Amino acid sequence: MQQYFISKNIKVGDCVVFDEEQAHHIRTVLRMRDQEMVRLVDQNNHIFHAHIQKEKKEVRASVFEQVEDKSQSPVKITLIQGLLKGEKWDFLLQKASELGVHTIVPFVSKRSVAKIKEETLDKKLIRWKKIALEACEQSKRSTLVGIQKPIVFSQIAQYASQYNIIAYEEADVQGESLGAFLKQHPHITSISIVIGCEGGFEQEEVAYLKEQGFHCISLGGRILRAETAAMYGISAMQLYGEMMHEKQS
């Protein structure tokens, strides 16, 4: 069932008019027929089922029931990610959105290869948000991912959560794995994880974040690509959060 985000409040009995892009998607891309069912999420993240009604100039949806939201994550994850080049960044945005990340914060560090010119930033943000929107719709999330403007490394601490970690390839020497960290903090409700760009971190950058209260953790004995590290860390934190939630229920 296709999902669409609607930028207003909805209640059962409403007739919702889709915007131009959504109407094109329904008519031309999916070629939906009248009375096909869709899933709608309103601006308060409430979920509804509705039937499609195609007219000459508009596509509408007749809302007939509200449904329970089962998509919410027990852990609010902020991914603070070093900018990646090209398709790698698009892939990361898509998969992080599917996996339930709350906020994605791109940053530029000393080893960053990807650069964004100020004059192209607005267009980039529009594109990134569209990628995230489509991933949220596909994965049936009831909340959109917050995509922030790129920041410099010294601004990372502004996005601190209840707990804060940095995935560092040298952390295995210190013996603190992500699993061990999570076990020590079983009541996590929000966490920020910092993942480097393709070139990783300078030692002074890691030292700076540790001074800001970030814990240095390892994602295992293998060196992972930046986008793989992000997916690994998010998945592990989501799984642990779900296990703790079920245990407490």
C-alpha atoms as a PDB file:
ATOM      1  CA  MET A   1       0.000   0.000   0.000  1.00  0.00           C
ATOM      2  CA  GLN A   2       1.397   3.377  -1.017  1.00  0.00           C
ATOM      3  CA  GLN A   3       1.910   6.005   1.685  1.00  0.00           C
ATOM      4  CA  TYR A   4       1.797   9.794   1.349  1.00  0.00           C
ATOM      5  CA  PHE A   5       2.559  12.558   3.867  1.00  0.00           C
ATOM      6  CA  ILE A   6      -0.126  15.237   4.039  1.00  0.00           C
ATOM      7  CA  SER A   7       0.780  18.692   5.394  1.00  0.00           C
ATOM      8  CA  LYS A   8      -2.394  19.254   7.425  1.00  0.00           C
ATOM      9  CA  ASN A   9      -4.524  17.586  10.081  1.00  0.00           C
ATOM     10  CA  ILE A  10      -6.789  14.741   8.949  1.00  0.00           C
ATOM     11  CA  LYS A  11      -9.821  13.062  10.466  1.00  0.00           C
ATOM     12  CA  VAL A  12     -12.061  10.211   9.376  1.00  0.00           C
ATOM     13  CA  GLY A  13     -14.562  11.455   6.800  1.00  0.00           C
ATOM     14  CA  ASP A  14     -12.244  14.053   5.277  1.00  0.00           C
ATOM     15  CA  CYS A  15     -11.616  14.352   1.550  1.00  0.00           C
ATOM     16  CA  VAL A  16      -7.923  15.073   0.990  1.00  0.00           C
ATOM     17  CA  VAL A  17      -6.647  16.729  -2.185  1.00  0.00           C
ATOM     18  CA  PHE A  18      -3.167  15.557  -3.203  1.00  0.00           C
ATOM     19  CA  ASP A  19      -0.559  18.057  -4.340  1.00  0.00           C
ATOM     20  CA  GLU A  20       0.584  18.122  -7.962  1.00  0.00           C
ATOM     21  CA  GLU A  21       3.576  15.808  -7.467  1.00  0.00           C
ATOM     22  CA  GLN A  22       1.572  13.257  -5.474  1.00  0.00           C
ATOM     23  CA  ALA A  23      -1.253  13.344  -8.041  1.00  0.00           C
ATOM     24  CA  HIS A  24       1.245  12.727 -10.855  1.00  0.00           C
ATOM     25  CA  HIS A  25       2.694   9.787  -8.916  1.00  0.00           C
ATOM     26  CA  ILE A  26      -0.771   8.266  -8.431  1.00  0.00           C
ATOM     27  CA  ARG A  27      -1.968   8.846 -12.005  1.00  0.00           C
ATOM     28  CA  THR A  28       1.134   8.340 -14.122  1.00  0.00           C
ATOM     29  CA  VAL A  29       3.697   6.370 -12.107  1.00  0.00           C
ATOM     30  CA  LEU A  30       1.510   3.915 -10.184  1.00  0.00           C
ATOM     31  CA  ARG A  31      -1.533   4.179 -12.468  1.00  0.00           C
ATOM     32  CA  MET A  32      -3.886   3.661  -9.564  1.00  0.00           C
ATOM     33  CA  ARG A  33      -7.562   3.058 -10.144  1.00  0.00           C
ATOM     34  CA  ASP A  34     -10.485   4.692  -8.367  1.00  0.00           C
ATOM     35  CA  GLN A  35     -11.164   3.228  -4.913  1.00  0.00           C
ATOM     36  CA  GLU A  36      -7.662   1.808  -4.506  1.00  0.00           C
ATOM     37  CA  MET A  37      -6.515   2.183  -0.901  1.00  0.00           C
ATOM     38  CA  VAL A  38      -3.640   4.389   0.227  1.00  0.00           C
ATOM     39  CA  ARG A  39      -2.093   5.197   3.582  1.00  0.00           C
ATOM     40  CA  LEU A  40      -1.938   8.857   4.668  1.00  0.00           C
ATOM     41  CA  VAL A  41       0.124  10.448   7.442  1.00  0.00           C
ATOM     42  CA  ASP A  42      -0.953  13.914   8.593  1.00  0.00           C
ATOM     43  CA  GLN A  43       1.124  16.706  10.113  1.00  0.00           C
ATOM     44  CA  ASN A  44       0.594  15.278  13.616  1.00  0.00           C
ATOM     45  CA  ASN A  45       1.923  11.893  12.472  1.00  0.00           C
ATOM     46  CA  HIS A  46      -1.488  10.235  12.679  1.00  0.00           C
ATOM     47  CA  ILE A  47      -2.059   7.436  10.174  1.00  0.00           C
ATOM     48  CA  PHE A  48      -5.192   6.891   8.084  1.00  0.00           C
ATOM     49  CA  HIS A  49      -6.486   4.669   5.306  1.00  0.00           C
ATOM     50  CA  ALA A  50      -8.267   6.280   2.375  1.00  0.00           C
ATOM     51  CA  HIS A  51      -9.704   5.463  -1.038  1.00  0.00           C
ATOM     52  CA  ILE A  52      -8.463   7.158  -4.205  1.00  0.00           C
ATOM     53  CA  GLN A  53     -10.836   9.268  -6.277  1.00  0.00           C
ATOM     54  CA  LYS A  54      -9.469  10.542  -9.605  1.00  0.00           C
ATOM     55  CA  GLU A  55     -11.101  13.563 -11.200  1.00  0.00           C
ATOM     56  CA  LYS A  56     -10.240  15.609 -14.278  1.00  0.00           C
ATOM     57  CA  LYS A  57      -7.975  18.132 -12.561  1.00  0.00           C
ATOM     58  CA  GLU A  58      -7.423  16.626  -9.119  1.00  0.00           C
ATOM     59  CA  VAL A  59      -6.749  13.408  -7.297  1.00  0.00           C
ATOM     60  CA  ARG A  60      -8.504  13.079  -3.965  1.00  0.00           C
ATOM     61  CA  ALA A  61      -8.592  10.549  -1.146  1.00  0.00           C
ATOM     62  CA  SER A  62     -11.648   9.739   0.964  1.00  0.00           C
ATOM     63  CA  VAL A  63     -10.482   8.981   4.523  1.00  0.00           C
ATOM     64  CA  PHE A  64     -12.375   6.089   6.105  1.00  0.00           C
ATOM     65  CA  GLU A  65     -10.325   4.922   9.128  1.00  0.00           C
ATOM     66  CA  GLN A  66      -7.489   5.821  11.471  1.00  0.00           C
ATOM     67  CA  VAL A  67      -4.934   3.088  12.167  1.00  0.00           C
ATOM     68  CA  GLU A  68      -2.475   2.358  14.961  1.00  0.00           C
ATOM     69  CA  ASP A  69       1.071   3.613  14.521  1.00  0.00           C
ATOM     70  CA  LYS A  70       3.546   0.736  14.878  1.00  0.00           C
ATOM     71  CA  SER A  71       6.465   2.428  13.159  1.00  0.00           C
ATOM     72  CA  GLN A  72       7.879   4.477  16.026  1.00  0.00           C
ATOM     73  CA  SER A  73      11.360   3.598  17.231  1.00  0.00           C
ATOM     74  CA  PRO A  74      11.997   3.247  20.987  1.00  0.00           C
ATOM     75  CA  VAL A  75      15.319   5.084  20.533  1.00  0.00           C
ATOM     76  CA  LYS A  76      15.712   8.552  19.011  1.00  0.00           C
ATOM     77  CA  ILE A  77      18.868   8.273  16.900  1.00  0.00           C
ATOM     78  CA  THR A  78      20.767  11.272  15.569  1.00  0.00           C
ATOM     79  CA  LEU A  79      23.253  10.295  12.866  1.00  0.00           C
ATOM     80  CA  ILE A  80      26.072  12.844  12.630  1.00  0.00           C
ATOM     81  CA  GLN A  81      27.724  11.775   9.418  1.00  0.00           C
ATOM     82  CA  GLY A  82      30.775  13.010   7.547  1.00  0.00           C
ATOM     83  CA  LEU A  83      29.735  14.026   4.022  1.00  0.00           C
ATOM     84  CA  LEU A  84      30.268  11.316   1.401  1.00  0.00           C
ATOM     85  CA  LYS A  85      30.692  11.605  -2.326  1.00  0.00           C
ATOM     86  CA  GLY A  86      27.881  11.195  -4.863  1.00  0.00           C
ATOM     87  CA  GLU A  87      25.828   8.021  -4.786  1.00  0.00           C
ATOM     88  CA  LYS A  88      27.274   6.948  -1.430  1.00  0.00           C
ATOM     89  CA  TRP A  89      25.564   9.901   0.246  1.00  0.00           C
ATOM     90  CA  ASP A  90      22.270   9.237  -1.520  1.00  0.00           C
ATOM     91  CA  PHE A  91      22.439   5.593  -0.440  1.00  0.00           C
ATOM     92  CA  LEU A  92      23.130   6.564   3.157  1.00  0.00           C
ATOM     93  CA  LEU A  93      20.204   9.019   3.267  1.00  0.00           C
ATOM     94  CA  GLN A  94      17.845   6.400   1.891  1.00  0.00           C
ATOM     95  CA  LYS A  95      18.886   3.529   4.146  1.00  0.00           C
ATOM     96  CA  ALA A  96      19.217   5.608   7.322  1.00  0.00           C
ATOM     97  CA  SER A  97      15.680   6.872   6.712  1.00  0.00           C
ATOM     98  CA  GLU A  98      14.377   3.331   6.221  1.00  0.00           C
ATOM     99  CA  LEU A  99      16.103   2.208   9.429  1.00  0.00           C
ATOM    100  CA  GLY A 100      14.328   4.831  11.526  1.00  0.00           C
ATOM    101  CA  VAL A 101      16.920   7.526  12.166  1.00  0.00           C
ATOM    102  CA  HIS A 102      15.363  10.659  13.657  1.00  0.00           C
ATOM    103  CA  THR A 103      17.851  13.272  12.390  1.00  0.00           C
ATOM    104  CA  ILE A 104      20.770  13.280   9.951  1.00  0.00           C
ATOM    105  CA  VAL A 105      23.462  15.931  10.430  1.00  0.00           C
ATOM    106  CA  PRO A 106      26.133  16.141   7.690  1.00  0.00           C
ATOM    107  CA  PHE A 107      29.514  17.556   8.677  1.00  0.00           C
ATOM    108  CA  VAL A 108      32.805  18.493   7.046  1.00  0.00           C
ATOM    109  CA  SER A 109      36.052  17.447   8.711  1.00  0.00           C
ATOM    110  CA  LYS A 110      39.753  17.671   7.883  1.00  0.00           C
ATOM    111  CA  ARG A 111      39.718  14.487   5.795  1.00  0.00           C
ATOM    112  CA  SER A 112      36.460  15.225   3.965  1.00  0.00           C
ATOM    113  CA  VAL A 113      36.605  14.668   0.223  1.00  0.00           C
ATOM    114  CA  ALA A 114      33.045  15.753  -0.577  1.00  0.00           C
ATOM    115  CA  LYS A 115      32.549  19.508  -0.646  1.00  0.00           C
ATOM    116  CA  ILE A 116      29.408  21.577  -1.162  1.00  0.00           C
ATOM    117  CA  LYS A 117      29.436  25.056  -2.631  1.00  0.00           C
ATOM    118  CA  GLU A 118      27.263  27.605  -0.855  1.00  0.00           C
ATOM    119  CA  GLU A 119      25.428  28.484  -4.069  1.00  0.00           C
ATOM    120  CA  THR A 120      24.314  24.862  -4.574  1.00  0.00           C
ATOM    121  CA  LEU A 121      23.396  24.112  -0.947  1.00  0.00           C
ATOM    122  CA  ASP A 122      19.672  24.901  -1.192  1.00  0.00           C
ATOM    123  CA  LYS A 123      19.238  22.638  -4.221  1.00  0.00           C
ATOM    124  CA  LYS A 124      21.196  19.883  -2.469  1.00  0.00           C
ATOM    125  CA  LEU A 125      18.977  20.102   0.621  1.00  0.00           C
ATOM    126  CA  ILE A 126      15.812  19.891  -1.478  1.00  0.00           C
ATOM    127  CA  ARG A 127      17.158  16.791  -3.192  1.00  0.00           C
ATOM    128  CA  TRP A 128      18.273  15.173   0.065  1.00  0.00           C
ATOM    129  CA  LYS A 129      14.890  15.773   1.670  1.00  0.00           C
ATOM    130  CA  LYS A 130      13.139  14.246  -1.336  1.00  0.00           C
ATOM    131  CA  ILE A 131      15.294  11.112  -1.065  1.00  0.00           C
ATOM    132  CA  ALA A 132      14.473  10.868   2.639  1.00  0.00           C
ATOM    133  CA  LEU A 133      10.760  11.518   2.028  1.00  0.00           C
ATOM    134  CA  GLU A 134      10.512   8.727  -0.533  1.00  0.00           C
ATOM    135  CA  ALA A 135      12.353   6.350   1.807  1.00  0.00           C
ATOM    136  CA  CYS A 136      10.023   7.238   4.698  1.00  0.00           C
ATOM    137  CA  GLU A 137       6.979   6.634   2.506  1.00  0.00           C
ATOM    138  CA  GLN A 138       8.355   3.334   1.222  1.00  0.00           C
ATOM    139  CA  SER A 139       9.186   2.074   4.724  1.00  0.00           C
ATOM    140  CA  LYS A 140       5.821   3.249   6.139  1.00  0.00           C
ATOM    141  CA  ARG A 141       7.288   5.597   8.718  1.00  0.00           C
ATOM    142  CA  SER A 142       4.933   8.027  10.420  1.00  0.00           C
ATOM    143  CA  THR A 143       7.654  10.657  10.898  1.00  0.00           C
ATOM    144  CA  LEU A 144       9.930  12.371   8.416  1.00  0.00           C
ATOM    145  CA  VAL A 145      13.673  12.407   8.915  1.00  0.00           C
ATOM    146  CA  GLY A 146      15.145  15.774   9.839  1.00  0.00           C
ATOM    147  CA  ILE A 147      17.893  16.627   7.337  1.00  0.00           C
ATOM    148  CA  GLN A 148      20.120  19.412   8.660  1.00  0.00           C
ATOM    149  CA  LYS A 149      22.396  21.753   6.756  1.00  0.00           C
ATOM    150  CA  PRO A 150      26.057  20.650   6.721  1.00  0.00           C
ATOM    151  CA  ILE A 151      28.057  21.846   9.699  1.00  0.00           C
ATOM    152  CA  VAL A 152      31.741  22.118  10.523  1.00  0.00           C
ATOM    153  CA  PHE A 153      33.325  19.642  12.918  1.00  0.00           C
ATOM    154  CA  SER A 154      33.409  22.063  15.868  1.00  0.00           C
ATOM    155  CA  GLN A 155      29.580  22.325  15.774  1.00  0.00           C
ATOM    156  CA  ILE A 156      28.930  18.615  16.329  1.00  0.00           C
ATOM    157  CA  ALA A 157      28.378  18.960  20.085  1.00  0.00           C
ATOM    158  CA  GLN A 158      25.294  21.101  19.340  1.00  0.00           C
ATOM    159  CA  TYR A 159      23.537  17.870  18.338  1.00  0.00           C
ATOM    160  CA  ALA A 160      24.318  15.932  21.504  1.00  0.00           C
ATOM    161  CA  SER A 161      21.671  13.577  22.924  1.00  0.00           C
ATOM    162  CA  GLN A 162      21.175  11.695  26.172  1.00  0.00           C
ATOM    163  CA  TYR A 163      24.168   9.541  25.170  1.00  0.00           C
ATOM    164  CA  ASN A 164      26.805  10.367  22.567  1.00  0.00           C
ATOM    165  CA  ILE A 165      29.293   8.137  20.779  1.00  0.00           C
ATOM    166  CA  ILE A 166      31.896   8.363  18.044  1.00  0.00           C
ATOM    167  CA  ALA A 167      32.736   5.297  15.955  1.00  0.00           C
ATOM    168  CA  TYR A 168      36.516   5.267  15.620  1.00  0.00           C
ATOM    169  CA  GLU A 169      38.576   2.615  13.856  1.00  0.00           C
ATOM    170  CA  GLU A 170      41.240   2.698  16.569  1.00  0.00           C
ATOM    171  CA  ALA A 171      38.737   2.235  19.406  1.00  0.00           C
ATOM    172  CA  ASP A 172      39.096  -1.565  19.355  1.00  0.00           C
ATOM    173  CA  VAL A 173      42.478  -1.065  21.022  1.00  0.00           C
ATOM    174  CA  GLN A 174      40.638   0.412  24.011  1.00  0.00           C
ATOM    175  CA  GLY A 175      38.269  -2.576  24.094  1.00  0.00           C
ATOM    176  CA  GLU A 176      34.975  -0.636  24.213  1.00  0.00           C
ATOM    177  CA  SER A 177      32.615  -2.106  21.638  1.00  0.00           C
ATOM    178  CA  LEU A 178      29.216  -0.698  20.715  1.00  0.00           C
ATOM    179  CA  GLY A 179      27.597  -3.765  22.270  1.00  0.00           C
ATOM    180  CA  ALA A 180      29.423  -3.243  25.562  1.00  0.00           C
ATOM    181  CA  PHE A 181      28.444   0.419  25.621  1.00  0.00           C
ATOM    182  CA  LEU A 182      24.774  -0.366  25.042  1.00  0.00           C
ATOM    183  CA  LYS A 183      24.749  -2.999  27.792  1.00  0.00           C
ATOM    184  CA  GLN A 184      26.126  -0.425  30.226  1.00  0.00           C
ATOM    185  CA  HIS A 185      23.252   1.941  29.372  1.00  0.00           C
ATOM    186  CA  PRO A 186      20.063  -0.149  29.089  1.00  0.00           C
ATOM    187  CA  HIS A 187      17.665   2.799  29.392  1.00  0.00           C
ATOM    188  CA  ILE A 188      18.723   4.810  26.350  1.00  0.00           C
ATOM    189  CA  THR A 189      15.953   6.948  24.875  1.00  0.00           C
ATOM    190  CA  SER A 190      18.127   9.135  22.637  1.00  0.00           C
ATOM    191  CA  ILE A 191      21.623   8.746  21.255  1.00  0.00           C
ATOM    192  CA  SER A 192      23.877  10.580  18.795  1.00  0.00           C
ATOM    193  CA  ILE A 193      26.449   8.624  16.796  1.00  0.00           C
ATOM    194  CA  VAL A 194      29.271  10.288  14.865  1.00  0.00           C
ATOM    195  CA  ILE A 195      30.566   8.475  11.770  1.00  0.00           C
ATOM    196  CA  GLY A 196      33.483   9.826   9.761  1.00  0.00           C
ATOM    197  CA  CYS A 197      33.821  10.407   6.032  1.00  0.00           C
ATOM    198  CA  GLU A 198      35.746   8.088   3.674  1.00  0.00           C
ATOM    199  CA  GLY A 199      39.069   9.143   5.194  1.00  0.00           C
ATOM    200  CA  GLY A 200      38.034   8.766   8.833  1.00  0.00           C
ATOM    201  CA  PHE A 201      39.104  11.127  11.631  1.00  0.00           C
ATOM    202  CA  GLU A 202      42.239  12.928  12.666  1.00  0.00           C
ATOM    203  CA  GLN A 203      43.350  12.013  16.202  1.00  0.00           C
ATOM    204  CA  GLU A 204      42.829  15.586  17.397  1.00  0.00           C
ATOM    205  CA  GLU A 205      39.218  15.476  16.154  1.00  0.00           C
ATOM    206  CA  VAL A 206      38.541  12.355  18.206  1.00  0.00           C
ATOM    207  CA  ALA A 207      40.226  13.967  21.224  1.00  0.00           C
ATOM    208  CA  TYR A 208      38.042  17.055  20.815  1.00  0.00           C
ATOM    209  CA  LEU A 209      34.804  15.060  20.802  1.00  0.00           C
ATOM    210  CA  LYS A 210      35.921  13.058  23.838  1.00  0.00           C
ATOM    211  CA  GLU A 211      36.435  16.377  25.623  1.00  0.00           C
ATOM    212  CA  GLN A 212      32.843  17.239  24.666  1.00  0.00           C
ATOM    213  CA  GLY A 213      31.569  14.083  26.377  1.00  0.00           C
ATOM    214  CA  PHE A 214      31.411  11.706  23.397  1.00  0.00           C
ATOM    215  CA  HIS A 215      32.370   8.078  24.086  1.00  0.00           C
ATOM    216  CA  CYS A 216      34.772   6.397  21.680  1.00  0.00           C
ATOM    217  CA  ILE A 217      33.425   3.019  20.528  1.00  0.00           C
ATOM    218  CA  SER A 218      34.391   0.277  18.097  1.00  0.00           C
ATOM    219  CA  LEU A 219      32.114  -1.323  15.510  1.00  0.00           C
ATOM    220  CA  GLY A 220      34.158  -4.520  15.519  1.00  0.00           C
ATOM    221  CA  GLY A 221      37.489  -5.863  14.331  1.00  0.00           C
ATOM    222  CA  ARG A 222      36.888  -5.042  10.665  1.00  0.00           C
ATOM    223  CA  ILE A 223      37.402  -1.671   9.004  1.00  0.00           C
ATOM    224  CA  LEU A 224      34.052  -0.670   7.502  1.00  0.00           C
ATOM    225  CA  ARG A 225      33.290   1.808   4.758  1.00  0.00           C
ATOM    226  CA  ALA A 226      31.661   4.969   6.091  1.00  0.00           C
ATOM    227  CA  GLU A 227      28.205   4.125   4.752  1.00  0.00           C
ATOM    228  CA  THR A 228      28.478   0.537   6.041  1.00  0.00           C
ATOM    229  CA  ALA A 229      29.530   1.768   9.477  1.00  0.00           C
ATOM    230  CA  ALA A 230      26.466   4.000   9.649  1.00  0.00           C
ATOM    231  CA  MET A 231      24.092   1.166   8.715  1.00  0.00           C
ATOM    232  CA  TYR A 232      25.767  -1.189  11.195  1.00  0.00           C
ATOM    233  CA  GLY A 233      25.587   1.292  14.056  1.00  0.00           C
ATOM    234  CA  ILE A 234      21.977   2.305  13.396  1.00  0.00           C
ATOM    235  CA  SER A 235      20.800  -1.299  13.075  1.00  0.00           C
ATOM    236  CA  ALA A 236      22.549  -2.360  16.267  1.00  0.00           C
ATOM    237  CA  MET A 237      21.085   0.530  18.263  1.00  0.00           C
ATOM    238  CA  GLN A 238      17.583  -0.068  16.898  1.00  0.00           C
ATOM    239  CA  LEU A 239      17.742  -3.773  17.701  1.00  0.00           C
ATOM    240  CA  TYR A 240      18.994  -3.159  21.219  1.00  0.00           C
ATOM    241  CA  GLY A 241      16.340  -0.502  21.782  1.00  0.00           C
ATOM    242  CA  GLU A 242      13.589  -2.854  20.645  1.00  0.00           C
ATOM    243  CA  MET A 243      14.913  -5.664  22.869  1.00  0.00           C
ATOM    244  CA  MET A 244      14.987  -3.395  25.916  1.00  0.00           C
ATOM    245  CA  HIS A 245      11.516  -2.058  25.114  1.00  0.00           C
ATOM    246  CA  GLU A 246      10.084  -5.573  24.884  1.00  0.00           C
ATOM    247  CA  LYS A 247      11.834  -6.574  28.099  1.00  0.00           C
ATOM    248  CA  GLN A 248      10.328  -3.629  29.976  1.00  0.00           C
ATOM    249  CA  SER A 249       6.829  -4.125  28.536  1.00  0.00           C
END
